[in-house]
Amino acid sequence: MSDLLHLARRTVETHLTSTYRKLGIQRRADLPAAMGTGGAGRRPVTEAGAAS
């Protein structure tokens, strides 16, 4: 995804780290609960992290 948007991988990592810190989570698996979705209705996520 970062290649498509012409962003450095480190830029994406920095923004994700900041977002996770603000949400009080440590990993991607914690994101649905933090967003209040509980994972319901999620589309599968590819290896790169983009929804397919």
N, C-alpha and C. Protein backbone atom coordinates (compact mmCIF):
# COMPACT_ATOMS: atom_id res chain seq x y z
N MET A 1 0.82 -1.19 0.00
CA MET A 1 0.00 0.00 0.00
C MET A 1 0.87 1.25 0.00
N SER A 2 1.95 1.23 0.78
CA SER A 2 2.80 2.42 0.83
C SER A 2 3.41 2.73 -0.53
N ASP A 3 3.69 1.68 -1.34
CA ASP A 3 4.22 1.91 -2.68
C ASP A 3 3.20 2.62 -3.55
N LEU A 4 1.96 2.23 -3.42
CA LEU A 4 0.89 2.84 -4.21
C LEU A 4 0.74 4.32 -3.87
N LEU A 5 0.89 4.67 -2.61
CA LEU A 5 0.74 6.04 -2.16
C LEU A 5 2.06 6.82 -2.17
N HIS A 6 3.15 6.17 -2.54
CA HIS A 6 4.48 6.78 -2.58
C HIS A 6 4.91 7.26 -1.20
N LEU A 7 4.69 6.42 -0.20
CA LEU A 7 5.11 6.71 1.17
C LEU A 7 6.18 5.71 1.58
N ALA A 8 7.11 6.18 2.37
CA ALA A 8 8.13 5.28 2.91
C ALA A 8 7.49 4.37 3.95
N ARG A 9 7.98 3.16 4.03
CA ARG A 9 7.46 2.21 5.03
C ARG A 9 7.55 2.80 6.43
N ARG A 10 8.64 3.47 6.72
CA ARG A 10 8.84 4.05 8.06
C ARG A 10 7.77 5.11 8.36
N THR A 11 7.34 5.87 7.36
CA THR A 11 6.28 6.87 7.55
C THR A 11 4.99 6.19 7.99
N VAL A 12 4.65 5.10 7.33
CA VAL A 12 3.43 4.35 7.68
C VAL A 12 3.57 3.80 9.10
N GLU A 13 4.71 3.21 9.41
CA GLU A 13 4.94 2.66 10.75
C GLU A 13 4.82 3.73 11.83
N THR A 14 5.35 4.92 11.55
CA THR A 14 5.29 6.02 12.51
C THR A 14 3.85 6.43 12.79
N HIS A 15 3.06 6.55 11.73
CA HIS A 15 1.66 6.94 11.91
C HIS A 15 0.85 5.85 12.62
N LEU A 16 1.12 4.59 12.29
CA LEU A 16 0.43 3.50 12.98
C LEU A 16 0.79 3.47 14.46
N THR A 17 2.07 3.65 14.77
CA THR A 17 2.52 3.65 16.15
C THR A 17 1.84 4.77 16.93
N SER A 18 1.76 5.95 16.35
CA SER A 18 1.11 7.08 17.00
C SER A 18 -0.38 6.81 17.23
N THR A 19 -1.03 6.24 16.23
CA THR A 19 -2.45 5.91 16.34
C THR A 19 -2.70 4.86 17.41
N TYR A 20 -1.89 3.82 17.41
CA TYR A 20 -2.03 2.76 18.41
C TYR A 20 -1.83 3.33 19.82
N ARG A 21 -0.86 4.22 19.98
CA ARG A 21 -0.60 4.82 21.29
C ARG A 21 -1.82 5.62 21.75
N LYS A 22 -2.42 6.40 20.85
CA LYS A 22 -3.60 7.20 21.19
C LYS A 22 -4.79 6.32 21.56
N LEU A 23 -4.90 5.16 20.92
CA LEU A 23 -6.01 4.24 21.19
C LEU A 23 -5.72 3.33 22.38
N GLY A 24 -4.48 3.34 22.86
CA GLY A 24 -4.11 2.50 23.99
C GLY A 24 -3.98 1.03 23.63
N ILE A 25 -3.54 0.75 22.41
CA ILE A 25 -3.36 -0.64 21.98
C ILE A 25 -1.92 -0.85 21.57
N GLN A 26 -1.56 -2.15 21.40
CA GLN A 26 -0.18 -2.45 21.05
C GLN A 26 -0.03 -3.20 19.73
N ARG A 27 -1.12 -3.76 19.20
CA ARG A 27 -1.00 -4.53 17.96
C ARG A 27 -2.26 -4.41 17.13
N ARG A 28 -2.13 -4.74 15.87
CA ARG A 28 -3.23 -4.63 14.91
C ARG A 28 -4.45 -5.46 15.34
N ALA A 29 -4.21 -6.60 15.97
CA ALA A 29 -5.30 -7.47 16.40
C ALA A 29 -6.20 -6.78 17.42
N ASP A 30 -5.68 -5.78 18.14
CA ASP A 30 -6.46 -5.06 19.15
C ASP A 30 -7.32 -3.95 18.55
N LEU A 31 -7.10 -3.63 17.29
CA LEU A 31 -7.76 -2.50 16.66
C LEU A 31 -9.28 -2.61 16.59
N PRO A 32 -9.88 -3.75 16.18
CA PRO A 32 -11.35 -3.80 16.12
C PRO A 32 -12.02 -3.50 17.47
N ALA A 33 -11.48 -4.04 18.54
CA ALA A 33 -12.06 -3.79 19.86
C ALA A 33 -11.92 -2.31 20.24
N ALA A 34 -10.79 -1.71 19.91
CA ALA A 34 -10.56 -0.30 20.23
C ALA A 34 -11.50 0.61 19.43
N MET A 35 -11.85 0.16 18.24
CA MET A 35 -12.75 0.95 17.39
C MET A 35 -14.21 0.64 17.67
N GLY A 36 -14.46 -0.34 18.53
CA GLY A 36 -15.83 -0.68 18.91
C GLY A 36 -16.55 -1.55 17.89
N THR A 37 -15.82 -2.11 16.93
CA THR A 37 -16.46 -2.95 15.92
C THR A 37 -16.43 -4.41 16.30
N GLY A 38 -15.51 -4.80 17.14
CA GLY A 38 -15.39 -6.19 17.55
C GLY A 38 -15.08 -7.13 16.40
N GLY A 39 -14.73 -6.58 15.25
CA GLY A 39 -14.38 -7.39 14.10
C GLY A 39 -15.57 -7.81 13.25
N ALA A 40 -16.78 -7.42 13.63
CA ALA A 40 -17.97 -7.82 12.88
C ALA A 40 -17.97 -7.18 11.50
N GLY A 41 -18.26 -7.99 10.51
CA GLY A 41 -18.37 -7.49 9.15
C GLY A 41 -17.05 -7.10 8.50
N ARG A 42 -15.95 -7.58 9.06
CA ARG A 42 -14.65 -7.25 8.50
C ARG A 42 -14.39 -8.01 7.22
N ARG A 43 -13.68 -7.35 6.31
CA ARG A 43 -13.19 -8.03 5.12
C ARG A 43 -11.83 -8.62 5.46
N PRO A 44 -11.45 -9.72 4.79
CA PRO A 44 -10.13 -10.31 5.06
C PRO A 44 -9.02 -9.31 4.77
N VAL A 45 -7.95 -9.40 5.54
CA VAL A 45 -6.81 -8.52 5.37
C VAL A 45 -5.69 -9.32 4.73
N THR A 46 -5.06 -8.76 3.71
CA THR A 46 -3.97 -9.43 3.01
C THR A 46 -2.69 -9.30 3.82
N GLU A 47 -1.66 -9.98 3.38
CA GLU A 47 -0.37 -9.94 4.06
C GLU A 47 0.14 -8.50 4.23
N ALA A 48 -0.08 -7.65 3.24
CA ALA A 48 0.40 -6.27 3.29
C ALA A 48 -0.48 -5.41 4.20
N GLY A 49 -1.63 -5.93 4.64
CA GLY A 49 -2.47 -5.18 5.54
C GLY A 49 -3.62 -4.46 4.87
N ALA A 50 -3.73 -4.57 3.56
CA ALA A 50 -4.82 -3.91 2.84
C ALA A 50 -6.01 -4.85 2.76
N ALA A 51 -7.20 -4.30 2.92
CA ALA A 51 -8.41 -5.13 2.80
C ALA A 51 -8.54 -5.59 1.37
N SER A 52 -8.92 -6.85 1.21
CA SER A 52 -9.04 -7.40 -0.15
C SER A 52 -10.48 -7.40 -0.62
